[in-house]
Structure formats: structure tokens, C-alpha cells
Amino acid sequence: MARQTRELILETALAMFNEQGEPNVTTNHIADELGISPGNLYYHYRNKDDIIGQLFARYEQRIDEALVAPDDRLPNLEDVWLQLHLIFECMWDYRFVYRDLVDILSRNRKLRLHFARILKRASENAAAVMRGLAAAGIFRASADEIRATAENIVLVATFWLNFDAVRHGKNESGQLDIGRGIHQVMMLIAPFLRDSERLHLNTLAGAYLR
């Protein structure tokens, strides 16, 4: 039962953080939502930062799992599409991290260091994928262009949810359209592709704009 309560606290906190914004949710709010006493919540988690730390660990593990390129062959455009899809889905499921990114990281040095590691790994992964595309003969760019494009990919992805929320708001289902973010990132590599692969990329990316 204790383990079930711990899990329910995390699930409830995640939903409330995502919907209302982490700064607007207290441990008392979470306890009220669950119908338990604050003391019961503190039995499982010392404070709100403890809850945030547990949620961030889950987010970090999921991002790490998404940042895996094929190790037995060279990557292709479908790999780029799949990886971006997994990353943006994770970002959406833990969107409170991105919505309140500066505030959360300014309060917690450990999370700031972990997020810096995530950004570094994401940039290295993007560069490795582009080098793989180049080795496959479908991508042409200098080392500096690959480095800069990798940084731009991470930059756009990191701040996309906030940008899109301000620019477009929510769709009819009440959710942000992460497809626009995936499309935007995919377009960053388009200029470096051969004509046939660029056409294929535009076909893949265009599916997100329908």
C-alpha cells in the first residue's frame, strides 16, 4: 500500500504540475487532490523538491532511452523522425520541466547539473546522427555546420513548448501540437540533404502539419 501511495503522489503531482504549473502547486494541494493528509504525503516525500527530483529522474531516464542511435548500421531519415517523436513525447509528458525550466533549475543545483548533462548528450547525439547521415552519403555539411546545427536543434527543442504556447496556444483537444516542433527541427537539417532525401524529409515532416 505504501508503494502504491508513493506512486499515486508522483502521478498526481505530475498531472498537477503539467496542468497548473509547478510554482502554483503546493504539497497541500497534492494531498488535497489525493484525499490524504499532508503528514501522509511527508511520510513518503520530504517536501516538494523531493517530489520534483523523483519526477526529474524519471524524465531523465526516458530522455536517455530516446537518445539512442542505431549501433549496427548507419542512421536514416526514419531514425531521425522516430527519435524526435520519442523526445517530443517525453517533453510533453514532463512539460512542467520546460514550462518552468529557469525557475526550477535556479532553485536546485543538482537538477541544473543533470539538465546540463541532458543538453550536452542531446547535442552530441544530434551531431553523431548527422555524421552518420553524412557517412551514408545523404547529408553534406562541414564539421562546424554539423556542430552549429546540433546546437540549434537542441535550442529549438528545449524552448519549443513555451514558444508554441505563446504563438499558437492549444488545439481543440486542449493540447499543444508537438508536431509543429518536430517539423521545425526536421527542417533544420533539410538544407544539407541531397535532393531526393530532402524530398523524402519534406514528405515525412509534412505529415505533422496536416
C-alpha atoms as a PDB file:
ATOM      1  CA  MET A   1       0.000   0.000   0.000  1.00  0.00           C
ATOM      2  CA  ALA A   2       2.859   2.408   0.858  1.00  0.00           C
ATOM      3  CA  ARG A   3       4.417   1.840  -2.562  1.00  0.00           C
ATOM      4  CA  GLN A   4       1.080   2.437  -4.236  1.00  0.00           C
ATOM      5  CA  THR A   5       0.650   5.702  -2.325  1.00  0.00           C
ATOM      6  CA  ARG A   6       4.161   6.837  -3.341  1.00  0.00           C
ATOM      7  CA  GLU A   7       3.306   6.178  -6.969  1.00  0.00           C
ATOM      8  CA  LEU A   8      -0.042   7.948  -6.737  1.00  0.00           C
ATOM      9  CA  ILE A   9       1.639  11.003  -5.239  1.00  0.00           C
ATOM     10  CA  LEU A  10       4.068  11.175  -8.154  1.00  0.00           C
ATOM     11  CA  GLU A  11       1.357  10.638 -10.762  1.00  0.00           C
ATOM     12  CA  THR A  12      -0.890  13.273  -9.192  1.00  0.00           C
ATOM     13  CA  ALA A  13       1.928  15.774  -8.767  1.00  0.00           C
ATOM     14  CA  LEU A  14       2.996  15.320 -12.399  1.00  0.00           C
ATOM     15  CA  ALA A  15      -0.528  15.902 -13.668  1.00  0.00           C
ATOM     16  CA  MET A  16      -0.987  18.985 -11.490  1.00  0.00           C
ATOM     17  CA  PHE A  17       2.443  20.429 -12.328  1.00  0.00           C
ATOM     18  CA  ASN A  18       1.758  19.964 -16.043  1.00  0.00           C
ATOM     19  CA  GLU A  19      -1.706  21.478 -15.897  1.00  0.00           C
ATOM     20  CA  GLN A  20      -1.246  24.311 -13.400  1.00  0.00           C
ATOM     21  CA  GLY A  21       2.491  24.979 -13.451  1.00  0.00           C
ATOM     22  CA  GLU A  22       4.852  23.703 -10.761  1.00  0.00           C
ATOM     23  CA  PRO A  23       5.150  27.038  -8.846  1.00  0.00           C
ATOM     24  CA  ASN A  24       1.356  27.115  -8.420  1.00  0.00           C
ATOM     25  CA  VAL A  25       1.112  23.676  -6.799  1.00  0.00           C
ATOM     26  CA  THR A  26       1.991  23.002  -3.165  1.00  0.00           C
ATOM     27  CA  THR A  27       2.270  19.738  -1.270  1.00  0.00           C
ATOM     28  CA  ASN A  28      -1.025  20.626   0.431  1.00  0.00           C
ATOM     29  CA  HIS A  29      -2.680  20.899  -2.984  1.00  0.00           C
ATOM     30  CA  ILE A  30      -1.334  17.482  -3.934  1.00  0.00           C
ATOM     31  CA  ALA A  31      -2.505  15.959  -0.647  1.00  0.00           C
ATOM     32  CA  ASP A  32      -5.963  17.509  -1.069  1.00  0.00           C
ATOM     33  CA  GLU A  33      -6.225  16.156  -4.604  1.00  0.00           C
ATOM     34  CA  LEU A  34      -5.410  12.670  -3.327  1.00  0.00           C
ATOM     35  CA  GLY A  35      -7.619  12.951  -0.250  1.00  0.00           C
ATOM     36  CA  ILE A  36      -4.742  12.246   2.130  1.00  0.00           C
ATOM     37  CA  SER A  37      -3.245  14.281   4.969  1.00  0.00           C
ATOM     38  CA  PRO A  38      -0.118  16.397   4.430  1.00  0.00           C
ATOM     39  CA  GLY A  39       1.547  14.234   7.068  1.00  0.00           C
ATOM     40  CA  ASN A  40       0.887  11.139   4.980  1.00  0.00           C
ATOM     41  CA  LEU A  41       2.460  12.806   1.963  1.00  0.00           C
ATOM     42  CA  TYR A  42       5.517  13.861   4.003  1.00  0.00           C
ATOM     43  CA  TYR A  43       5.900  10.264   5.170  1.00  0.00           C
ATOM     44  CA  HIS A  44       6.703   9.360   1.565  1.00  0.00           C
ATOM     45  CA  TYR A  45       8.397  12.558   0.350  1.00  0.00           C
ATOM     46  CA  ARG A  46      10.223  15.120   2.487  1.00  0.00           C
ATOM     47  CA  ASN A  47       8.989  18.138   0.506  1.00  0.00           C
ATOM     48  CA  LYS A  48       8.005  19.309  -2.955  1.00  0.00           C
ATOM     49  CA  ASP A  49      11.598  19.397  -4.156  1.00  0.00           C
ATOM     50  CA  ASP A  50      11.851  15.710  -3.281  1.00  0.00           C
ATOM     51  CA  ILE A  51       8.829  15.016  -5.493  1.00  0.00           C
ATOM     52  CA  ILE A  52      10.292  17.128  -8.294  1.00  0.00           C
ATOM     53  CA  GLY A  53      13.578  15.253  -8.005  1.00  0.00           C
ATOM     54  CA  GLN A  54      11.850  11.891  -8.371  1.00  0.00           C
ATOM     55  CA  LEU A  55       9.881  13.082 -11.392  1.00  0.00           C
ATOM     56  CA  PHE A  56      13.002  14.579 -12.969  1.00  0.00           C
ATOM     57  CA  ALA A  57      14.842  11.263 -12.548  1.00  0.00           C
ATOM     58  CA  ARG A  58      12.080   9.516 -14.484  1.00  0.00           C
ATOM     59  CA  TYR A  59      12.147  12.194 -17.153  1.00  0.00           C
ATOM     60  CA  GLU A  60      15.931  11.925 -17.443  1.00  0.00           C
ATOM     61  CA  GLN A  61      15.799   8.144 -17.820  1.00  0.00           C
ATOM     62  CA  ARG A  62      13.198   8.406 -20.564  1.00  0.00           C
ATOM     63  CA  ILE A  63      15.166  11.078 -22.440  1.00  0.00           C
ATOM     64  CA  ASP A  64      18.298   8.923 -22.190  1.00  0.00           C
ATOM     65  CA  GLU A  65      16.388   5.992 -23.678  1.00  0.00           C
ATOM     66  CA  ALA A  66      15.233   8.181 -26.579  1.00  0.00           C
ATOM     67  CA  LEU A  67      18.756   9.464 -27.289  1.00  0.00           C
ATOM     68  CA  VAL A  68      19.959   6.167 -28.707  1.00  0.00           C
ATOM     69  CA  ALA A  69      21.118   5.920 -32.319  1.00  0.00           C
ATOM     70  CA  PRO A  70      21.415   2.601 -34.199  1.00  0.00           C
ATOM     71  CA  ASP A  71      24.728   0.937 -33.342  1.00  0.00           C
ATOM     72  CA  ASP A  72      24.683  -1.775 -36.006  1.00  0.00           C
ATOM     73  CA  ARG A  73      24.119   0.409 -39.083  1.00  0.00           C
ATOM     74  CA  LEU A  74      24.180   3.994 -40.308  1.00  0.00           C
ATOM     75  CA  PRO A  75      21.135   6.115 -39.406  1.00  0.00           C
ATOM     76  CA  ASN A  76      18.489   7.147 -41.924  1.00  0.00           C
ATOM     77  CA  LEU A  77      15.744   9.772 -42.032  1.00  0.00           C
ATOM     78  CA  GLU A  78      13.222   7.411 -40.444  1.00  0.00           C
ATOM     79  CA  ASP A  79      15.539   7.148 -37.447  1.00  0.00           C
ATOM     80  CA  VAL A  80      15.563  10.954 -37.164  1.00  0.00           C
ATOM     81  CA  TRP A  81      11.769  11.026 -37.305  1.00  0.00           C
ATOM     82  CA  LEU A  82      11.371   8.288 -34.681  1.00  0.00           C
ATOM     83  CA  GLN A  83      13.897   9.794 -32.295  1.00  0.00           C
ATOM     84  CA  LEU A  84      12.332  13.248 -32.484  1.00  0.00           C
ATOM     85  CA  HIS A  85       8.905  11.728 -31.925  1.00  0.00           C
ATOM     86  CA  LEU A  86      10.089   9.939 -28.765  1.00  0.00           C
ATOM     87  CA  ILE A  87      11.864  13.044 -27.464  1.00  0.00           C
ATOM     88  CA  PHE A  88       8.951  15.413 -28.032  1.00  0.00           C
ATOM     89  CA  GLU A  89       6.501  12.925 -26.494  1.00  0.00           C
ATOM     90  CA  CYS A  90       8.713  12.792 -23.388  1.00  0.00           C
ATOM     91  CA  MET A  91       8.937  16.590 -23.320  1.00  0.00           C
ATOM     92  CA  TRP A  92       5.146  16.807 -23.482  1.00  0.00           C
ATOM     93  CA  ASP A  93       4.615  14.227 -20.732  1.00  0.00           C
ATOM     94  CA  TYR A  94       7.013  16.175 -18.465  1.00  0.00           C
ATOM     95  CA  ARG A  95       6.232  19.610 -19.851  1.00  0.00           C
ATOM     96  CA  PHE A  96       6.301  21.269 -16.429  1.00  0.00           C
ATOM     97  CA  VAL A  97      10.092  20.925 -16.589  1.00  0.00           C
ATOM     98  CA  TYR A  98      10.182  23.074 -19.719  1.00  0.00           C
ATOM     99  CA  ARG A  99       7.379  25.439 -18.764  1.00  0.00           C
ATOM    100  CA  ASP A 100       9.126  26.391 -15.500  1.00  0.00           C
ATOM    101  CA  LEU A 101      12.665  25.475 -16.564  1.00  0.00           C
ATOM    102  CA  VAL A 102      14.565  28.556 -15.366  1.00  0.00           C
ATOM    103  CA  ASP A 103      12.707  28.688 -12.050  1.00  0.00           C
ATOM    104  CA  ILE A 104      13.180  25.001 -11.266  1.00  0.00           C
ATOM    105  CA  LEU A 105      16.860  24.906 -12.214  1.00  0.00           C
ATOM    106  CA  SER A 106      17.655  28.138 -10.350  1.00  0.00           C
ATOM    107  CA  ARG A 107      16.400  26.532  -7.122  1.00  0.00           C
ATOM    108  CA  ASN A 108      18.139  23.187  -7.484  1.00  0.00           C
ATOM    109  CA  ARG A 109      21.818  22.901  -8.374  1.00  0.00           C
ATOM    110  CA  LYS A 110      21.650  19.105  -8.751  1.00  0.00           C
ATOM    111  CA  LEU A 111      18.855  19.314 -11.319  1.00  0.00           C
ATOM    112  CA  ARG A 112      20.685  22.131 -13.105  1.00  0.00           C
ATOM    113  CA  LEU A 113      23.753  19.916 -13.495  1.00  0.00           C
ATOM    114  CA  HIS A 114      21.631  16.994 -14.662  1.00  0.00           C
ATOM    115  CA  PHE A 115      19.796  19.122 -17.208  1.00  0.00           C
ATOM    116  CA  ALA A 116      23.112  20.480 -18.499  1.00  0.00           C
ATOM    117  CA  ARG A 117      24.208  16.879 -18.994  1.00  0.00           C
ATOM    118  CA  ILE A 118      20.998  16.149 -20.905  1.00  0.00           C
ATOM    119  CA  LEU A 119      21.603  19.129 -23.193  1.00  0.00           C
ATOM    120  CA  LYS A 120      25.201  18.054 -23.787  1.00  0.00           C
ATOM    121  CA  ARG A 121      24.217  14.484 -24.597  1.00  0.00           C
ATOM    122  CA  ALA A 122      21.382  15.647 -26.854  1.00  0.00           C
ATOM    123  CA  SER A 123      23.771  17.899 -28.781  1.00  0.00           C
ATOM    124  CA  GLU A 124      26.340  15.117 -29.104  1.00  0.00           C
ATOM    125  CA  ASN A 125      23.632  12.705 -30.242  1.00  0.00           C
ATOM    126  CA  ALA A 126      22.334  15.117 -32.893  1.00  0.00           C
ATOM    127  CA  ALA A 127      25.865  15.654 -34.195  1.00  0.00           C
ATOM    128  CA  ALA A 128      26.519  11.893 -34.263  1.00  0.00           C
ATOM    129  CA  VAL A 129      23.302  11.259 -36.209  1.00  0.00           C
ATOM    130  CA  MET A 130      24.227  13.927 -38.772  1.00  0.00           C
ATOM    131  CA  ARG A 131      27.726  12.466 -39.138  1.00  0.00           C
ATOM    132  CA  GLY A 132      26.080   9.102 -39.700  1.00  0.00           C
ATOM    133  CA  LEU A 133      23.840  10.572 -42.390  1.00  0.00           C
ATOM    134  CA  ALA A 134      26.944  12.084 -43.980  1.00  0.00           C
ATOM    135  CA  ALA A 135      28.707   8.715 -43.902  1.00  0.00           C
ATOM    136  CA  ALA A 136      25.648   7.207 -45.585  1.00  0.00           C
ATOM    137  CA  GLY A 137      26.094   9.720 -48.401  1.00  0.00           C
ATOM    138  CA  ILE A 138      22.773  11.512 -47.983  1.00  0.00           C
ATOM    139  CA  PHE A 139      23.959  14.513 -45.945  1.00  0.00           C
ATOM    140  CA  ARG A 140      26.665  17.042 -46.744  1.00  0.00           C
ATOM    141  CA  ALA A 141      27.949  19.524 -44.180  1.00  0.00           C
ATOM    142  CA  SER A 142      31.204  20.692 -42.673  1.00  0.00           C
ATOM    143  CA  ALA A 143      32.195  19.805 -39.128  1.00  0.00           C
ATOM    144  CA  ASP A 144      31.362  23.336 -37.997  1.00  0.00           C
ATOM    145  CA  GLU A 145      27.961  23.229 -39.728  1.00  0.00           C
ATOM    146  CA  ILE A 146      27.164  19.950 -38.006  1.00  0.00           C
ATOM    147  CA  ARG A 147      28.200  21.337 -34.624  1.00  0.00           C
ATOM    148  CA  ALA A 148      26.149  24.515 -35.059  1.00  0.00           C
ATOM    149  CA  THR A 149      23.109  22.647 -36.400  1.00  0.00           C
ATOM    150  CA  ALA A 150      23.251  20.213 -33.467  1.00  0.00           C
ATOM    151  CA  GLU A 151      23.219  23.163 -31.055  1.00  0.00           C
ATOM    152  CA  ASN A 152      20.314  24.757 -32.941  1.00  0.00           C
ATOM    153  CA  ILE A 153      18.348  21.505 -32.800  1.00  0.00           C
ATOM    154  CA  VAL A 154      18.751  21.333 -29.020  1.00  0.00           C
ATOM    155  CA  LEU A 155      17.936  25.035 -28.673  1.00  0.00           C
ATOM    156  CA  VAL A 156      14.709  24.795 -30.691  1.00  0.00           C
ATOM    157  CA  ALA A 157      13.593  21.587 -28.976  1.00  0.00           C
ATOM    158  CA  THR A 158      14.313  22.889 -25.459  1.00  0.00           C
ATOM    159  CA  PHE A 159      12.245  26.049 -25.801  1.00  0.00           C
ATOM    160  CA  TRP A 160       9.677  24.868 -28.325  1.00  0.00           C
ATOM    161  CA  LEU A 161       6.785  24.177 -25.949  1.00  0.00           C
ATOM    162  CA  ASN A 162       6.891  27.674 -24.468  1.00  0.00           C
ATOM    163  CA  PHE A 163       7.305  29.287 -27.880  1.00  0.00           C
ATOM    164  CA  ASP A 164       4.433  27.317 -29.388  1.00  0.00           C
ATOM    165  CA  ALA A 165       2.170  28.011 -26.397  1.00  0.00           C
ATOM    166  CA  VAL A 166       2.634  31.744 -26.863  1.00  0.00           C
ATOM    167  CA  ARG A 167       2.473  31.680 -30.654  1.00  0.00           C
ATOM    168  CA  HIS A 168      -0.383  29.250 -31.269  1.00  0.00           C
ATOM    169  CA  GLY A 169      -1.986  28.301 -27.955  1.00  0.00           C
ATOM    170  CA  LYS A 170      -3.693  24.941 -27.548  1.00  0.00           C
ATOM    171  CA  ASN A 171      -5.554  22.979 -30.180  1.00  0.00           C
ATOM    172  CA  GLU A 172      -9.144  21.713 -29.956  1.00  0.00           C
ATOM    173  CA  SER A 173      -8.118  18.830 -27.729  1.00  0.00           C
ATOM    174  CA  GLY A 174      -6.604  21.273 -25.244  1.00  0.00           C
ATOM    175  CA  GLN A 175      -3.054  20.178 -26.061  1.00  0.00           C
ATOM    176  CA  LEU A 176      -0.141  21.841 -27.750  1.00  0.00           C
ATOM    177  CA  ASP A 177       0.692  20.492 -31.192  1.00  0.00           C
ATOM    178  CA  ILE A 178       4.116  18.892 -30.730  1.00  0.00           C
ATOM    179  CA  GLY A 179       4.087  18.007 -34.414  1.00  0.00           C
ATOM    180  CA  ARG A 180       4.973  21.586 -35.256  1.00  0.00           C
ATOM    181  CA  GLY A 181       8.079  21.301 -33.109  1.00  0.00           C
ATOM    182  CA  ILE A 182       9.144  18.068 -34.773  1.00  0.00           C
ATOM    183  CA  HIS A 183       8.594  19.661 -38.185  1.00  0.00           C
ATOM    184  CA  GLN A 184      10.660  22.710 -37.202  1.00  0.00           C
ATOM    185  CA  VAL A 185      13.587  20.585 -36.064  1.00  0.00           C
ATOM    186  CA  MET A 186      13.456  18.385 -39.152  1.00  0.00           C
ATOM    187  CA  MET A 187      13.634  21.476 -41.343  1.00  0.00           C
ATOM    188  CA  LEU A 188      16.953  22.426 -39.723  1.00  0.00           C
ATOM    189  CA  ILE A 189      18.688  19.514 -41.454  1.00  0.00           C
ATOM    190  CA  ALA A 190      16.849  19.804 -44.772  1.00  0.00           C
ATOM    191  CA  PRO A 191      19.328  22.203 -46.467  1.00  0.00           C
ATOM    192  CA  PHE A 192      22.154  19.686 -46.035  1.00  0.00           C
ATOM    193  CA  LEU A 193      20.378  16.739 -47.692  1.00  0.00           C
ATOM    194  CA  ARG A 194      20.620  15.516 -51.255  1.00  0.00           C
ATOM    195  CA  ASP A 195      17.605  16.467 -53.370  1.00  0.00           C
ATOM    196  CA  SER A 196      15.941  13.043 -53.197  1.00  0.00           C
ATOM    197  CA  GLU A 197      16.395  12.790 -49.428  1.00  0.00           C
ATOM    198  CA  ARG A 198      15.214  16.379 -48.991  1.00  0.00           C
ATOM    199  CA  LEU A 199      12.016  15.478 -50.834  1.00  0.00           C
ATOM    200  CA  HIS A 200      11.626  12.437 -48.592  1.00  0.00           C
ATOM    201  CA  LEU A 201      12.223  14.558 -45.479  1.00  0.00           C
ATOM    202  CA  ASN A 202       9.620  17.086 -46.593  1.00  0.00           C
ATOM    203  CA  THR A 203       7.157  14.231 -47.074  1.00  0.00           C
ATOM    204  CA  LEU A 204       7.856  12.942 -43.552  1.00  0.00           C
ATOM    205  CA  ALA A 205       7.742  16.407 -42.000  1.00  0.00           C
ATOM    206  CA  GLY A 206       4.641  17.454 -43.917  1.00  0.00           C
ATOM    207  CA  ALA A 207       2.657  14.706 -42.224  1.00  0.00           C
ATOM    208  CA  TYR A 208       2.869  16.738 -38.983  1.00  0.00           C
ATOM    209  CA  LEU A 209       1.242  19.781 -40.494  1.00  0.00           C
ATOM    210  CA  ARG A 210      -1.978  18.134 -41.663  1.00  0.00           C
END
